[in-house]
Amino acid sequence: MKILLFALAILIVAAGLGTRAVAQNYPWCAIFDGGANSTSCSFDTVAQCMATVSGVGGFCMPNNLYQPPAATPARRKHNSSSAFSHATVFGACCWLA
């Protein structure tokens, strides 16, 4: 019984360590009309935001906290001519055997 409880505790701890919470990072926010004036910044386009508020009331505005994803560096192109010559040399030696 103690072993079962220990194993269960390990699984619970492992599940808690699995993922981290990530803040929403979208460029458009919907500010909904109503008593609470709630806000949802979860829209990629203004069209998505407008479609959401059109049925319930409210308006859309740019998210001033939005940070676009960092640009990834361009991958370096492999020199295909040298790879072809190596493949030809190695292929020729192996096919002769």
Protein backbone atom coordinates (compact mmCIF):
# COMPACT_ATOMS: atom_id res chain seq x y z
CA MET A 1 0.00 0.00 0.00
CA LYS A 2 2.86 2.38 0.81
CA ILE A 3 4.48 1.62 -2.53
CA LEU A 4 1.23 2.41 -4.35
CA LEU A 5 0.87 5.74 -2.54
CA PHE A 6 4.51 6.57 -3.26
CA ALA A 7 4.04 5.78 -6.96
CA LEU A 8 0.90 7.91 -7.07
CA ALA A 9 2.73 10.82 -5.45
CA ILE A 10 5.54 10.54 -8.01
CA LEU A 11 3.03 10.61 -10.88
CA ILE A 12 1.31 13.71 -9.47
CA VAL A 13 4.61 15.54 -9.08
CA ALA A 14 5.73 14.54 -12.59
CA ALA A 15 2.44 15.76 -14.08
CA GLY A 16 2.86 19.11 -12.35
CA LEU A 17 6.36 19.58 -13.75
CA GLY A 18 5.41 18.68 -17.32
CA THR A 19 4.27 22.02 -18.76
CA ARG A 20 4.65 25.66 -17.94
CA ALA A 21 1.91 28.23 -18.22
CA VAL A 22 2.36 30.62 -21.13
CA ALA A 23 0.78 34.05 -21.28
CA GLN A 24 -1.51 34.86 -24.19
CA ASN A 25 0.31 36.87 -26.82
CA TYR A 26 -2.06 37.98 -29.57
CA PRO A 27 -2.19 41.31 -31.40
CA TRP A 28 -5.92 42.11 -30.92
CA CYS A 29 -8.10 42.52 -27.82
CA ALA A 30 -11.88 42.51 -27.49
CA ILE A 31 -13.38 44.73 -24.83
CA PHE A 32 -16.88 43.46 -24.11
CA ASP A 33 -19.77 45.70 -23.09
CA GLY A 34 -21.54 44.85 -19.89
CA GLY A 35 -21.29 45.25 -16.16
CA ALA A 36 -17.81 43.79 -15.80
CA ASN A 37 -16.20 45.30 -18.95
CA SER A 38 -14.20 42.14 -19.49
CA THR A 39 -11.28 41.98 -21.92
CA SER A 40 -9.97 39.10 -24.04
CA CYS A 41 -6.68 39.52 -25.89
CA SER A 42 -6.85 36.27 -27.84
CA PHE A 43 -7.29 37.28 -31.48
CA ASP A 44 -4.83 37.05 -34.37
CA THR A 45 -6.77 39.37 -36.66
CA VAL A 46 -9.13 42.29 -36.26
CA ALA A 47 -11.71 40.30 -38.27
CA GLN A 48 -11.70 37.52 -35.64
CA CYS A 49 -12.15 40.08 -32.90
CA MET A 50 -14.96 41.92 -34.70
CA ALA A 51 -16.81 38.67 -35.38
CA THR A 52 -16.70 37.86 -31.67
CA VAL A 53 -17.94 41.22 -30.38
CA SER A 54 -20.58 41.62 -33.11
CA GLY A 55 -22.97 39.24 -31.36
CA VAL A 56 -22.42 40.29 -27.76
CA GLY A 57 -21.43 43.95 -27.98
CA GLY A 58 -18.11 45.60 -27.46
CA PHE A 59 -15.19 46.84 -29.51
CA CYS A 60 -11.71 45.79 -30.60
CA MET A 61 -8.38 47.47 -30.08
CA PRO A 62 -4.73 46.58 -30.67
CA ASN A 63 -3.01 44.79 -27.79
CA ASN A 64 -0.39 47.24 -26.54
CA LEU A 65 1.44 44.39 -24.75
CA TYR A 66 1.74 42.23 -27.88
CA GLN A 67 5.26 41.07 -28.67
CA PRO A 68 5.71 39.41 -32.06
CA PRO A 69 7.67 36.16 -32.07
CA ALA A 70 11.41 36.52 -32.51
CA ALA A 71 12.59 36.02 -36.07
CA THR A 72 14.47 32.80 -36.57
CA PRO A 73 17.82 33.11 -38.33
CA ALA A 74 17.88 31.96 -41.93
CA ARG A 75 19.21 28.45 -42.40
CA ARG A 76 22.50 28.21 -44.17
CA LYS A 77 22.20 26.56 -47.54
CA HIS A 78 24.24 23.43 -48.06
CA ASN A 79 26.64 23.50 -50.98
CA SER A 80 24.99 20.89 -53.17
CA SER A 81 27.84 20.62 -55.67
CA SER A 82 30.32 19.34 -53.07
CA ALA A 83 27.73 16.97 -51.62
CA PHE A 84 27.06 15.60 -55.10
CA SER A 85 30.74 15.03 -55.82
CA HIS A 86 31.23 13.24 -52.47
CA ALA A 87 28.18 11.10 -53.09
CA THR A 88 29.44 10.23 -56.55
CA VAL A 89 32.89 9.27 -55.27
CA PHE A 90 31.54 7.23 -52.38
CA GLY A 91 28.83 5.70 -54.56
CA ALA A 92 31.35 4.70 -57.20
CA CYS A 93 33.58 2.95 -54.68
CA CYS A 94 30.68 1.07 -53.13
CA TRP A 95 29.08 -0.03 -56.40
CA LEU A 96 32.35 -1.49 -57.64
CA ALA A 97 32.60 -3.93 -54.76
